[in-house]
N, C-alpha and C. Protein backbone atom coordinates (compact mmCIF):
# COMPACT_ATOMS: atom_id res chain seq x y z
N MET A 1 165.01 122.01 57.72
CA MET A 1 165.53 120.77 57.21
C MET A 1 165.14 120.66 55.74
N VAL A 2 166.12 120.40 54.93
CA VAL A 2 165.88 120.22 53.50
C VAL A 2 165.85 118.73 53.21
N THR A 3 164.82 118.31 52.47
CA THR A 3 164.70 116.89 52.14
C THR A 3 164.61 116.69 50.63
N TYR A 4 165.08 115.54 50.22
CA TYR A 4 164.89 115.06 48.85
C TYR A 4 164.98 113.54 48.91
N ASN A 5 163.88 112.87 48.69
CA ASN A 5 163.82 111.40 48.77
C ASN A 5 164.44 110.91 50.08
N SER A 6 163.96 111.46 51.18
CA SER A 6 164.55 111.20 52.50
C SER A 6 163.63 110.41 53.42
N ALA A 7 162.67 109.69 52.86
CA ALA A 7 161.67 109.00 53.68
C ALA A 7 162.29 108.04 54.69
N ASP A 8 163.42 107.44 54.34
CA ASP A 8 164.02 106.45 55.24
C ASP A 8 164.74 107.06 56.43
N VAL A 9 165.00 108.37 56.43
CA VAL A 9 165.76 108.98 57.53
C VAL A 9 165.06 110.15 58.21
N VAL A 10 164.08 110.75 57.57
CA VAL A 10 163.49 111.98 58.10
C VAL A 10 162.67 111.75 59.38
N GLY A 11 162.04 110.61 59.51
CA GLY A 11 161.23 110.34 60.70
C GLY A 11 162.03 110.36 61.99
N PRO A 12 163.08 109.55 62.09
CA PRO A 12 163.89 109.58 63.31
C PRO A 12 164.50 110.96 63.59
N SER A 13 164.87 111.66 62.54
CA SER A 13 165.45 112.99 62.71
C SER A 13 164.45 113.94 63.35
N LEU A 14 163.23 113.97 62.85
CA LEU A 14 162.21 114.86 63.39
C LEU A 14 161.79 114.45 64.80
N ARG A 15 161.66 113.16 65.05
CA ARG A 15 161.28 112.70 66.40
C ARG A 15 162.35 113.06 67.42
N ALA A 16 163.61 113.08 67.04
CA ALA A 16 164.69 113.43 67.96
C ALA A 16 164.65 114.89 68.38
N LEU A 17 163.97 115.73 67.61
CA LEU A 17 163.94 117.17 67.93
C LEU A 17 163.28 117.46 69.27
N ARG A 18 162.28 116.70 69.66
CA ARG A 18 161.61 116.96 70.95
C ARG A 18 162.60 116.88 72.10
N ALA A 19 163.36 115.80 72.15
CA ALA A 19 164.35 115.65 73.22
C ALA A 19 165.50 116.63 73.03
N GLY A 20 165.86 116.89 71.79
CA GLY A 20 166.94 117.83 71.52
C GLY A 20 166.61 119.24 71.94
N ALA A 21 165.31 119.57 71.98
CA ALA A 21 164.88 120.94 72.30
C ALA A 21 164.57 121.14 73.78
N VAL A 22 164.81 120.15 74.62
CA VAL A 22 164.56 120.33 76.05
C VAL A 22 165.36 121.52 76.56
N GLY A 23 164.67 122.44 77.24
CA GLY A 23 165.33 123.63 77.79
C GLY A 23 165.25 124.86 76.92
N ILE A 24 164.66 124.74 75.73
CA ILE A 24 164.47 125.91 74.85
C ILE A 24 163.04 125.91 74.32
N ASP A 25 162.66 127.03 73.76
CA ASP A 25 161.35 127.15 73.15
C ASP A 25 161.50 126.89 71.66
N LEU A 26 161.18 125.68 71.23
CA LEU A 26 161.24 125.32 69.82
C LEU A 26 159.95 125.82 69.17
N VAL A 27 160.02 126.96 68.51
CA VAL A 27 158.85 127.64 68.01
C VAL A 27 158.31 127.02 66.74
N ARG A 28 159.18 126.64 65.85
CA ARG A 28 158.72 126.20 64.53
C ARG A 28 159.71 125.18 63.97
N VAL A 29 159.16 124.18 63.32
CA VAL A 29 159.98 123.21 62.58
C VAL A 29 159.48 123.23 61.15
N VAL A 30 160.40 123.53 60.23
CA VAL A 30 160.05 123.62 58.81
C VAL A 30 160.87 122.58 58.04
N VAL A 31 160.18 121.79 57.25
CA VAL A 31 160.83 120.87 56.32
C VAL A 31 160.58 121.42 54.93
N VAL A 32 161.66 121.65 54.20
CA VAL A 32 161.56 122.13 52.82
C VAL A 32 161.88 120.95 51.92
N ASP A 33 160.89 120.51 51.18
CA ASP A 33 161.07 119.32 50.34
C ASP A 33 161.32 119.72 48.90
N ASN A 34 162.40 119.20 48.35
CA ASN A 34 162.82 119.46 46.98
C ASN A 34 162.19 118.49 45.99
N SER A 35 160.87 118.35 46.07
CA SER A 35 160.10 117.54 45.12
C SER A 35 160.49 116.05 45.18
N SER A 36 160.47 115.52 46.40
CA SER A 36 160.77 114.09 46.58
C SER A 36 159.81 113.22 45.81
N ARG A 37 160.30 112.09 45.34
CA ARG A 37 159.48 111.13 44.62
C ARG A 37 159.00 110.00 45.53
N ASP A 38 159.51 109.97 46.75
CA ASP A 38 159.07 108.95 47.71
C ASP A 38 158.07 109.59 48.68
N ASP A 39 157.82 108.97 49.80
CA ASP A 39 156.82 109.50 50.74
C ASP A 39 157.44 110.32 51.87
N THR A 40 158.49 111.06 51.56
CA THR A 40 159.16 111.90 52.54
C THR A 40 158.20 112.83 53.27
N VAL A 41 157.36 113.50 52.55
CA VAL A 41 156.45 114.49 53.15
C VAL A 41 155.48 113.80 54.11
N ASP A 42 154.92 112.68 53.72
CA ASP A 42 154.00 111.96 54.60
C ASP A 42 154.71 111.46 55.85
N VAL A 43 155.90 110.93 55.69
CA VAL A 43 156.68 110.45 56.84
C VAL A 43 156.98 111.61 57.78
N ALA A 44 157.36 112.75 57.25
CA ALA A 44 157.64 113.92 58.08
C ALA A 44 156.41 114.35 58.87
N ARG A 45 155.28 114.38 58.23
CA ARG A 45 154.04 114.80 58.92
C ARG A 45 153.61 113.80 59.99
N ARG A 46 153.84 112.53 59.76
CA ARG A 46 153.51 111.53 60.78
C ARG A 46 154.48 111.60 61.95
N ALA A 47 155.75 111.85 61.66
CA ALA A 47 156.77 111.87 62.71
C ALA A 47 156.62 113.06 63.64
N LEU A 48 156.22 114.20 63.10
CA LEU A 48 156.09 115.42 63.89
C LEU A 48 154.89 116.20 63.34
N PRO A 49 153.70 115.92 63.87
CA PRO A 49 152.48 116.49 63.28
C PRO A 49 152.48 118.02 63.15
N GLU A 50 153.20 118.72 64.01
CA GLU A 50 153.22 120.18 63.93
C GLU A 50 154.21 120.73 62.90
N VAL A 51 154.91 119.86 62.21
CA VAL A 51 155.89 120.31 61.22
C VAL A 51 155.20 121.10 60.11
N GLU A 52 155.87 122.15 59.66
CA GLU A 52 155.40 122.90 58.49
C GLU A 52 156.20 122.40 57.29
N VAL A 53 155.51 121.95 56.28
CA VAL A 53 156.17 121.44 55.09
C VAL A 53 156.02 122.46 53.97
N VAL A 54 157.16 122.84 53.40
CA VAL A 54 157.18 123.71 52.23
C VAL A 54 157.62 122.84 51.06
N GLN A 55 156.77 122.72 50.08
CA GLN A 55 157.11 121.92 48.91
C GLN A 55 157.58 122.85 47.79
N MET A 56 158.82 122.65 47.36
CA MET A 56 159.44 123.53 46.38
C MET A 56 158.85 123.36 44.98
N GLY A 57 158.26 122.22 44.68
CA GLY A 57 157.70 121.99 43.35
C GLY A 57 158.70 121.48 42.34
N GLU A 58 159.96 121.64 42.66
CA GLU A 58 161.05 121.11 41.83
C GLU A 58 162.28 121.02 42.72
N ASN A 59 163.29 120.30 42.27
CA ASN A 59 164.51 120.18 43.03
C ASN A 59 165.43 121.35 42.68
N ARG A 60 165.43 122.36 43.53
CA ARG A 60 166.27 123.54 43.31
C ARG A 60 167.60 123.46 44.06
N GLY A 61 167.79 122.39 44.80
CA GLY A 61 169.03 122.21 45.53
C GLY A 61 168.94 122.66 46.97
N TYR A 62 169.97 122.28 47.72
CA TYR A 62 170.00 122.49 49.17
C TYR A 62 169.99 123.98 49.55
N ALA A 63 170.91 124.75 49.00
CA ALA A 63 171.01 126.17 49.38
C ALA A 63 169.76 126.95 49.00
N ALA A 64 169.23 126.69 47.84
CA ALA A 64 168.02 127.39 47.41
C ALA A 64 166.85 127.06 48.34
N ALA A 65 166.78 125.83 48.78
CA ALA A 65 165.70 125.43 49.68
C ALA A 65 165.83 126.14 51.02
N ILE A 66 167.04 126.23 51.55
CA ILE A 66 167.24 126.93 52.82
C ILE A 66 166.97 128.42 52.66
N ASN A 67 167.60 129.03 51.70
CA ASN A 67 167.48 130.49 51.53
C ASN A 67 166.14 130.91 50.98
N GLY A 68 165.62 130.15 50.03
CA GLY A 68 164.41 130.55 49.35
C GLY A 68 163.13 130.22 50.09
N ALA A 69 163.17 129.25 50.96
CA ALA A 69 161.93 128.85 51.63
C ALA A 69 162.11 128.72 53.14
N GLY A 70 163.13 128.02 53.57
CA GLY A 70 163.30 127.73 54.98
C GLY A 70 163.47 128.96 55.85
N LEU A 71 164.24 129.93 55.42
CA LEU A 71 164.51 131.11 56.24
C LEU A 71 163.44 132.18 56.13
N LYS A 72 162.53 132.02 55.21
CA LYS A 72 161.47 133.02 55.03
C LYS A 72 160.28 132.80 55.96
N HIS A 73 160.31 131.77 56.75
CA HIS A 73 159.17 131.43 57.58
C HIS A 73 159.30 132.02 58.98
N GLY A 74 158.81 133.23 59.14
CA GLY A 74 158.72 133.83 60.47
C GLY A 74 159.92 134.64 60.88
N ASP A 75 159.78 135.18 62.08
CA ASP A 75 160.81 135.99 62.71
C ASP A 75 161.55 135.09 63.70
N HIS A 76 162.87 135.05 63.64
CA HIS A 76 163.63 134.09 64.43
C HIS A 76 164.71 134.78 65.26
N ASP A 77 164.92 134.25 66.46
CA ASP A 77 166.11 134.61 67.23
C ASP A 77 167.29 133.77 66.76
N ALA A 78 167.00 132.54 66.36
CA ALA A 78 168.03 131.62 65.89
C ALA A 78 167.38 130.62 64.93
N VAL A 79 168.19 130.08 64.06
CA VAL A 79 167.74 129.08 63.09
C VAL A 79 168.69 127.89 63.19
N VAL A 80 168.14 126.70 63.23
CA VAL A 80 168.94 125.48 63.21
C VAL A 80 168.71 124.84 61.85
N VAL A 81 169.77 124.57 61.13
CA VAL A 81 169.69 123.92 59.83
C VAL A 81 170.21 122.49 60.01
N LEU A 82 169.36 121.53 59.69
CA LEU A 82 169.72 120.13 59.86
C LEU A 82 169.55 119.37 58.56
N ASN A 83 170.40 118.40 58.35
CA ASN A 83 170.19 117.44 57.28
C ASN A 83 169.15 116.44 57.76
N PRO A 84 168.42 115.80 56.86
CA PRO A 84 167.36 114.89 57.28
C PRO A 84 167.87 113.60 57.93
N ASP A 85 169.15 113.32 57.84
CA ASP A 85 169.70 112.12 58.48
C ASP A 85 170.37 112.45 59.81
N THR A 86 170.15 113.66 60.33
CA THR A 86 170.74 114.09 61.58
C THR A 86 169.79 113.81 62.73
N GLU A 87 170.29 113.21 63.80
CA GLU A 87 169.50 113.02 65.01
C GLU A 87 170.20 113.75 66.14
N VAL A 88 169.59 114.86 66.59
CA VAL A 88 170.21 115.64 67.66
C VAL A 88 170.03 114.93 68.98
N GLY A 89 171.03 115.08 69.85
CA GLY A 89 170.98 114.46 71.17
C GLY A 89 170.14 115.27 72.14
N PRO A 90 169.72 114.64 73.24
CA PRO A 90 168.90 115.32 74.24
C PRO A 90 169.57 116.60 74.75
N GLY A 91 168.80 117.70 74.71
CA GLY A 91 169.29 118.98 75.21
C GLY A 91 170.32 119.68 74.35
N SER A 92 170.66 119.10 73.21
CA SER A 92 171.75 119.66 72.40
C SER A 92 171.40 121.01 71.77
N LEU A 93 170.14 121.25 71.46
CA LEU A 93 169.78 122.54 70.87
C LEU A 93 169.91 123.67 71.89
N ARG A 94 169.68 123.36 73.17
CA ARG A 94 169.88 124.36 74.23
C ARG A 94 171.36 124.77 74.28
N VAL A 95 172.24 123.81 74.17
CA VAL A 95 173.68 124.09 74.19
C VAL A 95 174.05 125.00 73.02
N LEU A 96 173.52 124.71 71.84
CA LEU A 96 173.79 125.56 70.68
C LEU A 96 173.24 126.97 70.88
N ALA A 97 172.03 127.07 71.45
CA ALA A 97 171.42 128.39 71.69
C ALA A 97 172.22 129.19 72.71
N GLU A 98 172.69 128.54 73.76
CA GLU A 98 173.49 129.23 74.77
C GLU A 98 174.80 129.75 74.18
N ALA A 99 175.37 129.01 73.25
CA ALA A 99 176.62 129.45 72.62
C ALA A 99 176.41 130.74 71.83
N LEU A 100 175.21 130.97 71.36
CA LEU A 100 174.91 132.19 70.59
C LEU A 100 174.79 133.44 71.47
N GLU A 101 174.70 133.25 72.78
CA GLU A 101 174.53 134.38 73.68
C GLU A 101 175.82 135.15 73.93
N GLY A 102 176.95 134.62 73.53
CA GLY A 102 178.22 135.30 73.72
C GLY A 102 178.33 136.54 72.85
N PRO A 103 179.10 137.54 73.31
CA PRO A 103 179.25 138.76 72.52
C PRO A 103 179.91 138.48 71.17
N GLY A 104 179.30 139.00 70.12
CA GLY A 104 179.86 138.86 68.78
C GLY A 104 179.67 137.49 68.15
N VAL A 105 178.92 136.59 68.79
CA VAL A 105 178.72 135.25 68.26
C VAL A 105 177.49 135.25 67.36
N GLY A 106 177.64 134.74 66.17
CA GLY A 106 176.53 134.67 65.23
C GLY A 106 176.31 133.29 64.67
N PHE A 107 177.12 132.32 65.09
CA PHE A 107 177.04 130.98 64.53
C PHE A 107 177.53 129.99 65.57
N SER A 108 176.85 128.88 65.70
CA SER A 108 177.35 127.80 66.55
C SER A 108 177.04 126.48 65.85
N CYS A 109 177.84 125.47 66.13
CA CYS A 109 177.59 124.17 65.52
C CYS A 109 178.00 123.07 66.48
N GLN A 110 177.42 121.91 66.25
CA GLN A 110 177.74 120.74 67.03
C GLN A 110 178.80 119.92 66.35
N ARG A 111 179.46 119.14 67.15
CA ARG A 111 180.38 118.14 66.61
C ARG A 111 179.54 116.95 66.17
N CYS A 112 179.78 116.46 64.99
CA CYS A 112 179.05 115.31 64.46
C CYS A 112 179.80 114.04 64.81
N VAL A 113 179.11 113.11 65.46
CA VAL A 113 179.72 111.84 65.83
C VAL A 113 178.89 110.75 65.17
N ALA A 114 179.46 110.09 64.20
CA ALA A 114 178.73 109.10 63.41
C ALA A 114 178.19 107.98 64.29
N GLY A 115 176.89 107.72 64.12
CA GLY A 115 176.27 106.61 64.80
C GLY A 115 175.93 106.82 66.25
N THR A 116 176.15 108.02 66.80
CA THR A 116 175.89 108.22 68.22
C THR A 116 174.74 109.16 68.50
N ALA A 117 174.16 109.76 67.50
CA ALA A 117 173.05 110.72 67.68
C ALA A 117 173.45 111.85 68.61
N ARG A 118 174.71 112.29 68.54
CA ARG A 118 175.17 113.44 69.34
C ARG A 118 175.76 114.46 68.41
């Protein structure tokens, strides 16, 4: 998850991950912060104490944060990229992971439904 001045939305997003990950092994949660001026990092750590926060030191933008920091953390079977205002629904990450098991599948995504956390 890439953040920049996201204190007002990052907490609910991170808290939703526990229910969203039911049925899968959620190994690591990384928040890459693009030098927020608010308390985004503190809110993230309170919302999900096991979160790993990577502070970029400057705002390098969304893609640089994902590629330069977020994807470098560990060995992964799959990576979920979320915006800080996204709240995944219960069990939804399992559905995304199962979709990746098909032959030749390298990408899966959810349908975004405004205001429904699905």
